[in-house]
Amino acid sequence: MTTGELSELLQKLDLASSDPKHEVRIIFQTREVSDEKRKPHKSTNVFEIDSSIPYARLFQKVAAVIHWGEPDVLAEALAAGKPVGTCGIHSSQQFWASVCEQAQVGLPLINWRKCTVDSLTSSFLELLKPGLGVNAQKVATTFDPEKAINAAVNAFTANLPMEAMRCDVDRANLARVFDTCHDLKLSLEAYLAVQPRRDESKGFVPYKPLRFGGSRPPRFSISGNPGETPPDSKPARLLDGVALTMDVLDLQASERISTCTSSSASDTGSINAHPSNIALYWASAEEEVAVRTTTNAAYERLVKRPKRTSKLDTVKRMFGVGKQARRREELQYLTVQ
């Protein structure tokens, strides 16, 4: 929105709010405007304020809210029990306006480019009807920030590839290093514990469970992980976003707000492990010796574990396939000697 378009919209708001039959007062909070010399709009019914003022404080003092369609502003307004209107022209703004309209807590989208003084006056009247306010107050009782955060954390962790993230030596720790020689995933603790055995030039690389890139879905760094499914290059998208959102709102309205345990994620630290970081993992020299001994024993068992052979290799070995080729190589070696 240019400075000229903003000034034109403010003039329309001023005229619409000054209707003698339905006079309203408006606090207009601007977004960032490129013209710093522009003076704030001030009149009897419209008072323009700076964008730095917290809008959450304003929502407690007003009867209704019209916003630009940001989800956080919408959530804050509904949490305060205020009916809402969405002003904009983009698809995301249309989506939130449709959700609020179907939930009977808001208005259809207000197009700031096409709106008139009469249409704005009508929007103000609709927004201030008692029915919308009552519905908004009911929706406000379903808002619980802690519950929302816990639901987001649970949804995130439910889709983590836990098996691909576990260390092969100690499954209680996250794998951060990959031993390419033995196809083993190691945590930083295990990586340090086997330090006398390992050779930096022989296949120890940073490990990431998933690879992201391009327009393809993420893929496992190592094949054969549990839960790995072939990606669908063109997944069907036949979902009605507005209807799904309405179902969620209905579900929240019918449920009692329950206490959810909060979960936290600890910092996994740097990918690179150096001898100077040993104090981060072991509290004493005795603990270091004990952990090194246990970890090296587990690592030794995994390294010496016989590799699985494919069915094709087993069949070839049974029928002696490849013996003649190996015999020719042995004869050639003896001839060279």
C-alpha atoms as a PDB file:
ATOM      1  CA  MET A   1       0.000   0.000   0.000  1.00  0.00           C
ATOM      2  CA  THR A   2       1.429   3.334  -1.066  1.00  0.00           C
ATOM      3  CA  THR A   3       1.262   6.518   0.966  1.00  0.00           C
ATOM      4  CA  GLY A   4      -1.438   7.877  -1.333  1.00  0.00           C
ATOM      5  CA  GLU A   5      -3.561   4.735  -1.006  1.00  0.00           C
ATOM      6  CA  LEU A   6      -3.223   4.848   2.771  1.00  0.00           C
ATOM      7  CA  SER A   7      -4.339   8.472   2.894  1.00  0.00           C
ATOM      8  CA  GLU A   8      -7.329   7.672   0.668  1.00  0.00           C
ATOM      9  CA  LEU A   9      -8.347   4.760   2.912  1.00  0.00           C
ATOM     10  CA  LEU A  10      -8.108   6.961   6.007  1.00  0.00           C
ATOM     11  CA  GLN A  11     -10.359   9.560   4.376  1.00  0.00           C
ATOM     12  CA  LYS A  12     -12.956   6.867   3.647  1.00  0.00           C
ATOM     13  CA  LEU A  13     -12.754   5.626   7.235  1.00  0.00           C
ATOM     14  CA  ASP A  14     -13.200   9.165   8.499  1.00  0.00           C
ATOM     15  CA  LEU A  15     -16.356   9.695   6.448  1.00  0.00           C
ATOM     16  CA  ALA A  16     -17.787   6.253   7.280  1.00  0.00           C
ATOM     17  CA  SER A  17     -17.221   6.685  11.006  1.00  0.00           C
ATOM     18  CA  SER A  18     -18.802  10.158  10.982  1.00  0.00           C
ATOM     19  CA  ASP A  19     -22.266   8.973   9.928  1.00  0.00           C
ATOM     20  CA  PRO A  20     -24.647  10.841  12.291  1.00  0.00           C
ATOM     21  CA  LYS A  21     -26.886   7.757  12.685  1.00  0.00           C
ATOM     22  CA  HIS A  22     -24.088   5.281  13.415  1.00  0.00           C
ATOM     23  CA  GLU A  23     -21.081   7.215  14.652  1.00  0.00           C
ATOM     24  CA  VAL A  24     -18.042   5.170  15.717  1.00  0.00           C
ATOM     25  CA  ARG A  25     -14.541   5.981  16.851  1.00  0.00           C
ATOM     26  CA  ILE A  26     -11.531   4.272  15.305  1.00  0.00           C
ATOM     27  CA  ILE A  27      -7.968   3.728  16.495  1.00  0.00           C
ATOM     28  CA  PHE A  28      -5.965   3.126  13.311  1.00  0.00           C
ATOM     29  CA  GLN A  29      -2.592   1.478  13.842  1.00  0.00           C
ATOM     30  CA  THR A  30      -0.365   1.886  10.807  1.00  0.00           C
ATOM     31  CA  ARG A  31       2.067  -0.590   9.410  1.00  0.00           C
ATOM     32  CA  GLU A  32       5.501   0.586   8.296  1.00  0.00           C
ATOM     33  CA  VAL A  33       5.150   3.373   5.718  1.00  0.00           C
ATOM     34  CA  SER A  34       8.004   4.378   3.414  1.00  0.00           C
ATOM     35  CA  ASP A  35       7.199   8.091   3.686  1.00  0.00           C
ATOM     36  CA  GLU A  36       8.656   9.140   7.050  1.00  0.00           C
ATOM     37  CA  LYS A  37       7.594  12.774   6.534  1.00  0.00           C
ATOM     38  CA  ARG A  38       3.923  11.834   6.389  1.00  0.00           C
ATOM     39  CA  LYS A  39       1.967  13.187   9.369  1.00  0.00           C
ATOM     40  CA  PRO A  40      -0.363  10.839  11.299  1.00  0.00           C
ATOM     41  CA  HIS A  41      -4.067  11.207  10.546  1.00  0.00           C
ATOM     42  CA  LYS A  42      -6.053  12.795  13.363  1.00  0.00           C
ATOM     43  CA  SER A  43      -9.727  13.722  13.356  1.00  0.00           C
ATOM     44  CA  THR A  44     -12.748  13.597  15.629  1.00  0.00           C
ATOM     45  CA  ASN A  45     -13.431   9.897  14.945  1.00  0.00           C
ATOM     46  CA  VAL A  46     -10.145   8.486  13.577  1.00  0.00           C
ATOM     47  CA  PHE A  47      -6.907   8.555  15.533  1.00  0.00           C
ATOM     48  CA  GLU A  48      -3.795   7.094  13.894  1.00  0.00           C
ATOM     49  CA  ILE A  49      -1.097   5.594  16.131  1.00  0.00           C
ATOM     50  CA  ASP A  50       2.348   4.139  15.538  1.00  0.00           C
ATOM     51  CA  SER A  51       2.919   0.443  14.768  1.00  0.00           C
ATOM     52  CA  SER A  52       5.294   0.066  17.739  1.00  0.00           C
ATOM     53  CA  ILE A  53       2.442   0.193  20.273  1.00  0.00           C
ATOM     54  CA  PRO A  54       1.492  -3.373  21.395  1.00  0.00           C
ATOM     55  CA  TYR A  55      -1.847  -4.196  19.797  1.00  0.00           C
ATOM     56  CA  ALA A  56      -2.722  -6.658  22.579  1.00  0.00           C
ATOM     57  CA  ARG A  57      -3.144  -3.711  24.962  1.00  0.00           C
ATOM     58  CA  LEU A  58      -5.467  -1.961  22.514  1.00  0.00           C
ATOM     59  CA  PHE A  59      -7.757  -4.985  22.086  1.00  0.00           C
ATOM     60  CA  GLN A  60      -8.778  -4.810  25.748  1.00  0.00           C
ATOM     61  CA  LYS A  61     -10.169  -1.286  25.219  1.00  0.00           C
ATOM     62  CA  VAL A  62     -12.121  -1.636  21.941  1.00  0.00           C
ATOM     63  CA  ALA A  63     -15.425  -3.237  20.903  1.00  0.00           C
ATOM     64  CA  ALA A  64     -14.164  -4.906  17.693  1.00  0.00           C
ATOM     65  CA  VAL A  65     -11.016  -5.365  15.614  1.00  0.00           C
ATOM     66  CA  ILE A  66     -10.339  -5.002  11.881  1.00  0.00           C
ATOM     67  CA  HIS A  67      -6.871  -6.203  10.892  1.00  0.00           C
ATOM     68  CA  TRP A  68      -4.711  -7.121   7.893  1.00  0.00           C
ATOM     69  CA  GLY A  69      -5.027 -10.892   8.269  1.00  0.00           C
ATOM     70  CA  GLU A  70      -1.948 -11.835  10.281  1.00  0.00           C
ATOM     71  CA  PRO A  71      -2.708 -15.054  12.219  1.00  0.00           C
ATOM     72  CA  ASP A  72      -1.130 -13.742  15.434  1.00  0.00           C
ATOM     73  CA  VAL A  73      -3.267 -10.585  15.377  1.00  0.00           C
ATOM     74  CA  LEU A  74      -6.388 -12.638  14.630  1.00  0.00           C
ATOM     75  CA  ALA A  75      -5.649 -15.024  17.499  1.00  0.00           C
ATOM     76  CA  GLU A  76      -4.988 -12.153  19.917  1.00  0.00           C
ATOM     77  CA  ALA A  77      -8.265 -10.459  18.980  1.00  0.00           C
ATOM     78  CA  LEU A  78     -10.342 -13.625  19.369  1.00  0.00           C
ATOM     79  CA  ALA A  79      -8.574 -14.469  22.635  1.00  0.00           C
ATOM     80  CA  ALA A  80      -9.715 -11.055  23.871  1.00  0.00           C
ATOM     81  CA  GLY A  81     -13.297 -11.921  22.859  1.00  0.00           C
ATOM     82  CA  LYS A  82     -13.556  -9.312  20.097  1.00  0.00           C
ATOM     83  CA  PRO A  83     -15.395  -9.835  16.781  1.00  0.00           C
ATOM     84  CA  VAL A  84     -13.018  -9.425  13.861  1.00  0.00           C
ATOM     85  CA  GLY A  85     -12.921  -8.177  10.308  1.00  0.00           C
ATOM     86  CA  THR A  86     -10.141  -8.845   7.820  1.00  0.00           C
ATOM     87  CA  CYS A  87      -9.001  -6.184   5.378  1.00  0.00           C
ATOM     88  CA  GLY A  88      -6.923  -7.179   2.361  1.00  0.00           C
ATOM     89  CA  ILE A  89      -6.741  -8.604  -1.147  1.00  0.00           C
ATOM     90  CA  HIS A  90      -4.569 -11.736  -0.850  1.00  0.00           C
ATOM     91  CA  SER A  91      -5.654 -15.384  -0.645  1.00  0.00           C
ATOM     92  CA  SER A  92      -4.439 -15.838   2.936  1.00  0.00           C
ATOM     93  CA  GLN A  93      -6.521 -12.853   4.019  1.00  0.00           C
ATOM     94  CA  GLN A  94      -9.525 -14.286   2.182  1.00  0.00           C
ATOM     95  CA  PHE A  95      -8.997 -17.592   3.983  1.00  0.00           C
ATOM     96  CA  TRP A  96      -9.026 -16.106   7.482  1.00  0.00           C
ATOM     97  CA  ALA A  97     -11.984 -13.887   6.645  1.00  0.00           C
ATOM     98  CA  SER A  98     -13.939 -16.962   5.456  1.00  0.00           C
ATOM     99  CA  VAL A  99     -13.040 -18.877   8.626  1.00  0.00           C
ATOM    100  CA  CYS A 100     -14.232 -16.041  10.868  1.00  0.00           C
ATOM    101  CA  GLU A 101     -17.397 -15.532   8.818  1.00  0.00           C
ATOM    102  CA  GLN A 102     -18.361 -19.224   8.987  1.00  0.00           C
ATOM    103  CA  ALA A 103     -17.576 -19.295  12.709  1.00  0.00           C
ATOM    104  CA  GLN A 104     -19.919 -16.291  13.068  1.00  0.00           C
ATOM    105  CA  VAL A 105     -17.297 -14.181  14.786  1.00  0.00           C
ATOM    106  CA  GLY A 106     -16.359 -11.949  11.852  1.00  0.00           C
ATOM    107  CA  LEU A 107     -17.161 -10.344   8.513  1.00  0.00           C
ATOM    108  CA  PRO A 108     -16.527 -11.230   4.881  1.00  0.00           C
ATOM    109  CA  LEU A 109     -13.258  -9.891   3.479  1.00  0.00           C
ATOM    110  CA  ILE A 110     -13.034  -6.094   3.217  1.00  0.00           C
ATOM    111  CA  ASN A 111     -11.219  -5.167  -0.002  1.00  0.00           C
ATOM    112  CA  TRP A 112      -9.425  -1.913   0.764  1.00  0.00           C
ATOM    113  CA  ARG A 113      -9.027  -1.153  -2.943  1.00  0.00           C
ATOM    114  CA  LYS A 114     -12.732  -1.439  -3.767  1.00  0.00           C
ATOM    115  CA  CYS A 115     -14.425  -0.445  -0.520  1.00  0.00           C
ATOM    116  CA  THR A 116     -16.568   2.687  -0.410  1.00  0.00           C
ATOM    117  CA  VAL A 117     -17.806   4.921   2.382  1.00  0.00           C
ATOM    118  CA  ASP A 118     -21.197   3.183   2.300  1.00  0.00           C
ATOM    119  CA  SER A 119     -19.689  -0.331   2.350  1.00  0.00           C
ATOM    120  CA  LEU A 120     -17.445   0.595   5.282  1.00  0.00           C
ATOM    121  CA  THR A 121     -20.414   2.032   7.195  1.00  0.00           C
ATOM    122  CA  SER A 122     -22.293  -1.227   6.621  1.00  0.00           C
ATOM    123  CA  SER A 123     -19.263  -3.254   7.779  1.00  0.00           C
ATOM    124  CA  PHE A 124     -19.031  -1.250  11.003  1.00  0.00           C
ATOM    125  CA  LEU A 125     -22.724  -1.879  11.732  1.00  0.00           C
ATOM    126  CA  GLU A 126     -22.396  -5.626  11.122  1.00  0.00           C
ATOM    127  CA  LEU A 127     -19.256  -5.891  13.224  1.00  0.00           C
ATOM    128  CA  LEU A 128     -20.890  -4.198  16.210  1.00  0.00           C
ATOM    129  CA  LYS A 129     -23.995  -6.405  16.269  1.00  0.00           C
ATOM    130  CA  PRO A 130     -24.442  -8.125  19.656  1.00  0.00           C
ATOM    131  CA  GLY A 131     -24.537 -11.620  18.115  1.00  0.00           C
ATOM    132  CA  LEU A 132     -20.963 -11.456  16.834  1.00  0.00           C
ATOM    133  CA  GLY A 133     -19.738 -10.185  20.178  1.00  0.00           C
ATOM    134  CA  VAL A 134     -21.427 -13.029  22.075  1.00  0.00           C
ATOM    135  CA  ASN A 135     -19.955 -15.625  19.714  1.00  0.00           C
ATOM    136  CA  ALA A 136     -16.497 -14.074  20.021  1.00  0.00           C
ATOM    137  CA  GLN A 137     -16.736 -14.271  23.811  1.00  0.00           C
ATOM    138  CA  LYS A 138     -17.546 -17.991  23.554  1.00  0.00           C
ATOM    139  CA  VAL A 139     -14.571 -18.595  21.266  1.00  0.00           C
ATOM    140  CA  ALA A 140     -12.310 -16.720  23.694  1.00  0.00           C
ATOM    141  CA  THR A 141     -12.945 -19.370  26.360  1.00  0.00           C
ATOM    142  CA  THR A 142     -11.302 -22.019  24.142  1.00  0.00           C
ATOM    143  CA  PHE A 143      -8.000 -20.151  23.857  1.00  0.00           C
ATOM    144  CA  ASP A 144      -5.172 -21.567  25.963  1.00  0.00           C
ATOM    145  CA  PRO A 145      -1.625 -20.567  24.884  1.00  0.00           C
ATOM    146  CA  GLU A 146       0.004 -23.404  26.831  1.00  0.00           C
ATOM    147  CA  LYS A 147      -2.307 -25.971  25.253  1.00  0.00           C
ATOM    148  CA  ALA A 148      -1.578 -24.617  21.789  1.00  0.00           C
ATOM    149  CA  ILE A 149       2.187 -24.751  22.358  1.00  0.00           C
ATOM    150  CA  ASN A 150       2.006 -28.308  23.667  1.00  0.00           C
ATOM    151  CA  ALA A 151      -0.102 -29.374  20.693  1.00  0.00           C
ATOM    152  CA  ALA A 152       2.432 -27.835  18.302  1.00  0.00           C
ATOM    153  CA  VAL A 153       5.344 -29.558  20.064  1.00  0.00           C
ATOM    154  CA  ASN A 154       3.543 -32.908  20.044  1.00  0.00           C
ATOM    155  CA  ALA A 155       2.679 -32.569  16.357  1.00  0.00           C
ATOM    156  CA  PHE A 156       6.322 -31.773  15.577  1.00  0.00           C
ATOM    157  CA  THR A 157       7.834 -34.596  17.616  1.00  0.00           C
ATOM    158  CA  ALA A 158       5.278 -37.117  16.325  1.00  0.00           C
ATOM    159  CA  ASN A 159       6.764 -36.773  12.839  1.00  0.00           C
ATOM    160  CA  LEU A 160      10.428 -37.000  13.822  1.00  0.00           C
ATOM    161  CA  PRO A 161      12.317 -40.030  12.406  1.00  0.00           C
ATOM    162  CA  MET A 162      13.284 -41.266  15.864  1.00  0.00           C
ATOM    163  CA  GLU A 163      14.835 -44.564  14.737  1.00  0.00           C
ATOM    164  CA  ALA A 164      17.053 -42.771  12.237  1.00  0.00           C
ATOM    165  CA  MET A 165      18.094 -40.267  14.925  1.00  0.00           C
ATOM    166  CA  ARG A 166      19.233 -42.779  17.559  1.00  0.00           C
ATOM    167  CA  CYS A 167      22.865 -43.692  18.161  1.00  0.00           C
ATOM    168  CA  ASP A 168      23.598 -47.346  17.320  1.00  0.00           C
ATOM    169  CA  VAL A 169      25.926 -47.736  20.314  1.00  0.00           C
ATOM    170  CA  ASP A 170      23.791 -45.939  22.899  1.00  0.00           C
ATOM    171  CA  ARG A 171      20.170 -45.607  21.770  1.00  0.00           C
ATOM    172  CA  ALA A 172      19.429 -43.055  24.482  1.00  0.00           C
ATOM    173  CA  ASN A 173      21.516 -40.425  22.649  1.00  0.00           C
ATOM    174  CA  LEU A 174      21.138 -38.665  19.308  1.00  0.00           C
ATOM    175  CA  ALA A 175      23.418 -39.683  16.459  1.00  0.00           C
ATOM    176  CA  ARG A 176      25.627 -36.834  15.239  1.00  0.00           C
ATOM    177  CA  VAL A 177      28.507 -38.669  13.488  1.00  0.00           C
ATOM    178  CA  PHE A 178      28.379 -41.440  10.869  1.00  0.00           C
ATOM    179  CA  ASP A 179      31.001 -44.190  10.610  1.00  0.00           C
ATOM    180  CA  THR A 180      30.929 -44.948   6.878  1.00  0.00           C
ATOM    181  CA  CYS A 181      33.307 -47.913   7.201  1.00  0.00           C
ATOM    182  CA  HIS A 182      30.946 -49.835   9.480  1.00  0.00           C
ATOM    183  CA  ASP A 183      27.632 -48.077   8.689  1.00  0.00           C
ATOM    184  CA  LEU A 184      27.199 -46.979  12.298  1.00  0.00           C
ATOM    185  CA  LYS A 185      25.516 -43.870  13.659  1.00  0.00           C
ATOM    186  CA  LEU A 186      27.362 -42.437  16.665  1.00  0.00           C
ATOM    187  CA  SER A 187      26.492 -39.803  19.227  1.00  0.00           C
ATOM    188  CA  LEU A 188      29.093 -37.212  20.175  1.00  0.00           C
ATOM    189  CA  GLU A 189      29.676 -39.094  23.429  1.00  0.00           C
ATOM    190  CA  ALA A 190      30.270 -42.379  21.601  1.00  0.00           C
ATOM    191  CA  TYR A 191      32.422 -40.591  19.031  1.00  0.00           C
ATOM    192  CA  LEU A 192      34.679 -39.300  21.799  1.00  0.00           C
ATOM    193  CA  ALA A 193      34.668 -42.615  23.658  1.00  0.00           C
ATOM    194  CA  VAL A 194      36.036 -44.574  20.673  1.00  0.00           C
ATOM    195  CA  GLN A 195      38.591 -41.847  19.940  1.00  0.00           C
ATOM    196  CA  PRO A 196      41.666 -44.124  20.367  1.00  0.00           C
ATOM    197  CA  ARG A 197      40.219 -46.524  17.781  1.00  0.00           C
ATOM    198  CA  ARG A 198      39.038 -44.114  15.150  1.00  0.00           C
ATOM    199  CA  ASP A 199      40.970 -42.644  12.250  1.00  0.00           C
ATOM    200  CA  GLU A 200      39.745 -39.229  11.068  1.00  0.00           C
ATOM    201  CA  SER A 201      40.745 -40.065   7.488  1.00  0.00           C
ATOM    202  CA  LYS A 202      38.580 -43.208   7.361  1.00  0.00           C
ATOM    203  CA  GLY A 203      34.970 -42.370   7.009  1.00  0.00           C
ATOM    204  CA  PHE A 204      33.800 -40.353  10.025  1.00  0.00           C
ATOM    205  CA  VAL A 205      31.470 -37.639   8.734  1.00  0.00           C
ATOM    206  CA  PRO A 206      28.769 -35.427  10.305  1.00  0.00           C
ATOM    207  CA  TYR A 207      25.424 -37.220  10.301  1.00  0.00           C
ATOM    208  CA  LYS A 208      21.982 -35.831   9.521  1.00  0.00           C
ATOM    209  CA  PRO A 209      19.001 -38.211   9.494  1.00  0.00           C
ATOM    210  CA  LEU A 210      17.204 -36.493   6.610  1.00  0.00           C
ATOM    211  CA  ARG A 211      18.267 -34.769   3.424  1.00  0.00           C
ATOM    212  CA  PHE A 212      16.365 -31.761   2.174  1.00  0.00           C
ATOM    213  CA  GLY A 213      16.643 -30.254  -1.268  1.00  0.00           C
ATOM    214  CA  GLY A 214      14.759 -29.093  -4.323  1.00  0.00           C
ATOM    215  CA  SER A 215      11.042 -29.644  -4.613  1.00  0.00           C
ATOM    216  CA  ARG A 216      11.241 -33.258  -3.416  1.00  0.00           C
ATOM    217  CA  PRO A 217      10.133 -34.414   0.029  1.00  0.00           C
ATOM    218  CA  PRO A 218      12.899 -35.038   2.598  1.00  0.00           C
ATOM    219  CA  ARG A 219      14.677 -38.371   2.254  1.00  0.00           C
ATOM    220  CA  PHE A 220      16.550 -40.531   4.731  1.00  0.00           C
ATOM    221  CA  SER A 221      20.335 -40.224   4.594  1.00  0.00           C
ATOM    222  CA  ILE A 222      20.587 -44.011   5.069  1.00  0.00           C
ATOM    223  CA  SER A 223      18.192 -46.350   3.295  1.00  0.00           C
ATOM    224  CA  GLY A 224      16.268 -49.063   5.083  1.00  0.00           C
ATOM    225  CA  ASN A 225      14.944 -46.987   7.970  1.00  0.00           C
ATOM    226  CA  PRO A 226      11.671 -48.071   9.615  1.00  0.00           C
ATOM    227  CA  GLY A 227       8.750 -46.068   8.324  1.00  0.00           C
ATOM    228  CA  GLU A 228      10.459 -45.150   5.072  1.00  0.00           C
ATOM    229  CA  THR A 229       7.936 -44.943   2.255  1.00  0.00           C
ATOM    230  CA  PRO A 230       8.410 -44.052  -1.411  1.00  0.00           C
ATOM    231  CA  PRO A 231       7.562 -40.364  -1.878  1.00  0.00           C
ATOM    232  CA  ASP A 232       4.533 -39.384  -3.926  1.00  0.00           C
ATOM    233  CA  SER A 233       5.745 -36.916  -6.537  1.00  0.00           C
ATOM    234  CA  LYS A 234       2.284 -35.395  -6.935  1.00  0.00           C
ATOM    235  CA  PRO A 235       0.264 -35.840  -3.744  1.00  0.00           C
ATOM    236  CA  ALA A 236      -3.451 -35.229  -3.990  1.00  0.00           C
ATOM    237  CA  ARG A 237      -4.549 -31.965  -2.401  1.00  0.00           C
ATOM    238  CA  LEU A 238      -8.309 -32.214  -2.119  1.00  0.00           C
ATOM    239  CA  LEU A 239      -8.698 -30.653   1.322  1.00  0.00           C
ATOM    240  CA  ASP A 240     -11.000 -27.795   2.213  1.00  0.00           C
ATOM    241  CA  GLY A 241      -8.837 -25.629   4.455  1.00  0.00           C
ATOM    242  CA  VAL A 242     -11.720 -23.530   5.743  1.00  0.00           C
ATOM    243  CA  ALA A 243     -13.828 -26.592   6.599  1.00  0.00           C
ATOM    244  CA  LEU A 244     -10.915 -28.272   8.373  1.00  0.00           C
ATOM    245  CA  THR A 245     -10.245 -25.145  10.407  1.00  0.00           C
ATOM    246  CA  MET A 246     -13.915 -24.954  11.342  1.00  0.00           C
ATOM    247  CA  ASP A 247     -13.791 -28.585  12.534  1.00  0.00           C
ATOM    248  CA  VAL A 248     -10.841 -27.718  14.776  1.00  0.00           C
ATOM    249  CA  LEU A 249     -12.706 -24.737  16.223  1.00  0.00           C
ATOM    250  CA  ASP A 250     -15.777 -26.900  16.889  1.00  0.00           C
ATOM    251  CA  LEU A 251     -13.631 -29.532  18.582  1.00  0.00           C
ATOM    252  CA  GLN A 252     -11.974 -26.944  20.805  1.00  0.00           C
ATOM    253  CA  ALA A 253     -15.329 -25.466  21.750  1.00  0.00           C
ATOM    254  CA  SER A 254     -16.690 -28.854  22.849  1.00  0.00           C
ATOM    255  CA  GLU A 255     -13.651 -29.862  24.894  1.00  0.00           C
ATOM    256  CA  ARG A 256     -12.724 -28.849  28.403  1.00  0.00           C
ATOM    257  CA  ILE A 257      -9.384 -27.110  28.704  1.00  0.00           C
ATOM    258  CA  SER A 258      -7.054 -29.701  30.192  1.00  0.00           C
ATOM    259  CA  THR A 259      -3.613 -29.287  31.670  1.00  0.00           C
ATOM    260  CA  CYS A 260      -0.886 -30.524  29.360  1.00  0.00           C
ATOM    261  CA  THR A 261       2.640 -31.265  30.404  1.00  0.00           C
ATOM    262  CA  SER A 262       5.120 -28.972  28.770  1.00  0.00           C
ATOM    263  CA  SER A 263       8.054 -30.413  26.938  1.00  0.00           C
ATOM    264  CA  SER A 264      11.386 -28.857  26.226  1.00  0.00           C
ATOM    265  CA  ALA A 265      14.158 -29.618  23.825  1.00  0.00           C
ATOM    266  CA  SER A 266      17.756 -29.480  24.923  1.00  0.00           C
ATOM    267  CA  ASP A 267      20.537 -28.049  22.870  1.00  0.00           C
ATOM    268  CA  THR A 268      22.451 -30.798  21.095  1.00  0.00           C
ATOM    269  CA  GLY A 269      25.608 -28.717  20.888  1.00  0.00           C
ATOM    270  CA  SER A 270      28.105 -28.401  18.090  1.00  0.00           C
ATOM    271  CA  ILE A 271      28.521 -31.066  15.420  1.00  0.00           C
ATOM    272  CA  ASN A 272      32.273 -31.127  15.889  1.00  0.00           C
ATOM    273  CA  ALA A 273      33.591 -32.869  19.014  1.00  0.00           C
ATOM    274  CA  HIS A 274      37.093 -32.096  20.205  1.00  0.00           C
ATOM    275  CA  PRO A 275      39.110 -33.419  23.151  1.00  0.00           C
ATOM    276  CA  SER A 276      38.637 -30.058  24.865  1.00  0.00           C
ATOM    277  CA  ASN A 277      34.879 -30.770  25.015  1.00  0.00           C
ATOM    278  CA  ILE A 278      35.290 -33.924  27.141  1.00  0.00           C
ATOM    279  CA  ALA A 279      34.252 -32.086  30.309  1.00  0.00           C
ATOM    280  CA  LEU A 280      30.852 -31.501  28.689  1.00  0.00           C
ATOM    281  CA  TYR A 281      30.087 -35.236  28.723  1.00  0.00           C
ATOM    282  CA  TRP A 282      31.864 -36.728  31.770  1.00  0.00           C
ATOM    283  CA  ALA A 283      31.942 -35.278  35.258  1.00  0.00           C
ATOM    284  CA  SER A 284      35.105 -37.079  36.351  1.00  0.00           C
ATOM    285  CA  ALA A 285      38.010 -39.121  35.059  1.00  0.00           C
ATOM    286  CA  GLU A 286      36.521 -42.264  36.619  1.00  0.00           C
ATOM    287  CA  GLU A 287      33.231 -41.728  34.793  1.00  0.00           C
ATOM    288  CA  GLU A 288      35.112 -41.144  31.539  1.00  0.00           C
ATOM    289  CA  VAL A 289      37.013 -44.447  31.907  1.00  0.00           C
ATOM    290  CA  ALA A 290      33.819 -46.368  32.688  1.00  0.00           C
ATOM    291  CA  VAL A 291      31.883 -44.878  29.774  1.00  0.00           C
ATOM    292  CA  ARG A 292      34.779 -45.386  27.356  1.00  0.00           C
ATOM    293  CA  THR A 293      35.042 -49.055  28.364  1.00  0.00           C
ATOM    294  CA  THR A 294      31.318 -49.718  27.968  1.00  0.00           C
ATOM    295  CA  THR A 295      31.036 -47.777  24.708  1.00  0.00           C
ATOM    296  CA  ASN A 296      34.083 -49.399  23.132  1.00  0.00           C
ATOM    297  CA  ALA A 297      32.745 -52.842  24.016  1.00  0.00           C
ATOM    298  CA  ALA A 298      29.409 -52.056  22.373  1.00  0.00           C
ATOM    299  CA  TYR A 299      31.179 -50.520  19.376  1.00  0.00           C
ATOM    300  CA  GLU A 300      33.400 -53.613  19.066  1.00  0.00           C
ATOM    301  CA  ARG A 301      30.370 -55.902  18.993  1.00  0.00           C
ATOM    302  CA  LEU A 302      28.709 -53.838  16.273  1.00  0.00           C
ATOM    303  CA  VAL A 303      31.872 -53.618  14.156  1.00  0.00           C
ATOM    304  CA  LYS A 304      32.489 -57.384  14.329  1.00  0.00           C
ATOM    305  CA  ARG A 305      28.869 -58.235  13.622  1.00  0.00           C
ATOM    306  CA  PRO A 306      28.730 -60.191  10.313  1.00  0.00           C
ATOM    307  CA  LYS A 307      27.191 -58.184   7.526  1.00  0.00           C
ATOM    308  CA  ARG A 308      23.977 -59.456   6.067  1.00  0.00           C
ATOM    309  CA  THR A 309      24.293 -60.973   2.598  1.00  0.00           C
ATOM    310  CA  SER A 310      21.623 -60.632  -0.006  1.00  0.00           C
ATOM    311  CA  LYS A 311      19.660 -63.599  -1.305  1.00  0.00           C
ATOM    312  CA  LEU A 312      21.409 -63.229  -4.681  1.00  0.00           C
ATOM    313  CA  ASP A 313      24.859 -63.516  -3.067  1.00  0.00           C
ATOM    314  CA  THR A 314      23.724 -66.595  -1.124  1.00  0.00           C
ATOM    315  CA  VAL A 315      22.466 -68.311  -4.282  1.00  0.00           C
ATOM    316  CA  LYS A 316      25.690 -67.465  -6.149  1.00  0.00           C
ATOM    317  CA  ARG A 317      27.771 -68.935  -3.347  1.00  0.00           C
ATOM    318  CA  MET A 318      25.681 -72.135  -3.319  1.00  0.00           C
ATOM    319  CA  PHE A 319      26.160 -72.726  -7.046  1.00  0.00           C
ATOM    320  CA  GLY A 320      29.792 -71.661  -7.127  1.00  0.00           C
ATOM    321  CA  VAL A 321      29.259 -68.621  -9.311  1.00  0.00           C
ATOM    322  CA  GLY A 322      32.415 -66.534  -9.518  1.00  0.00           C
ATOM    323  CA  LYS A 323      34.874 -69.275  -8.560  1.00  0.00           C
ATOM    324  CA  GLN A 324      36.370 -69.458 -12.064  1.00  0.00           C
ATOM    325  CA  ALA A 325      36.927 -65.705 -12.152  1.00  0.00           C
ATOM    326  CA  ARG A 326      38.663 -65.783  -8.771  1.00  0.00           C
ATOM    327  CA  ARG A 327      40.824 -68.715  -9.957  1.00  0.00           C
ATOM    328  CA  ARG A 328      41.924 -66.744 -13.053  1.00  0.00           C
ATOM    329  CA  GLU A 329      42.916 -63.804 -10.833  1.00  0.00           C
ATOM    330  CA  GLU A 330      44.992 -66.117  -8.615  1.00  0.00           C
ATOM    331  CA  LEU A 331      46.796 -67.645 -11.625  1.00  0.00           C
ATOM    332  CA  GLN A 332      47.498 -64.183 -13.042  1.00  0.00           C
ATOM    333  CA  TYR A 333      48.945 -63.104  -9.680  1.00  0.00           C
ATOM    334  CA  LEU A 334      51.211 -66.192  -9.550  1.00  0.00           C
ATOM    335  CA  THR A 335      52.372 -65.562 -13.133  1.00  0.00           C
ATOM    336  CA  VAL A 336      53.352 -61.991 -12.301  1.00  0.00           C
ATOM    337  CA  GLN A 337      55.344 -63.194  -9.293  1.00  0.00           C
END
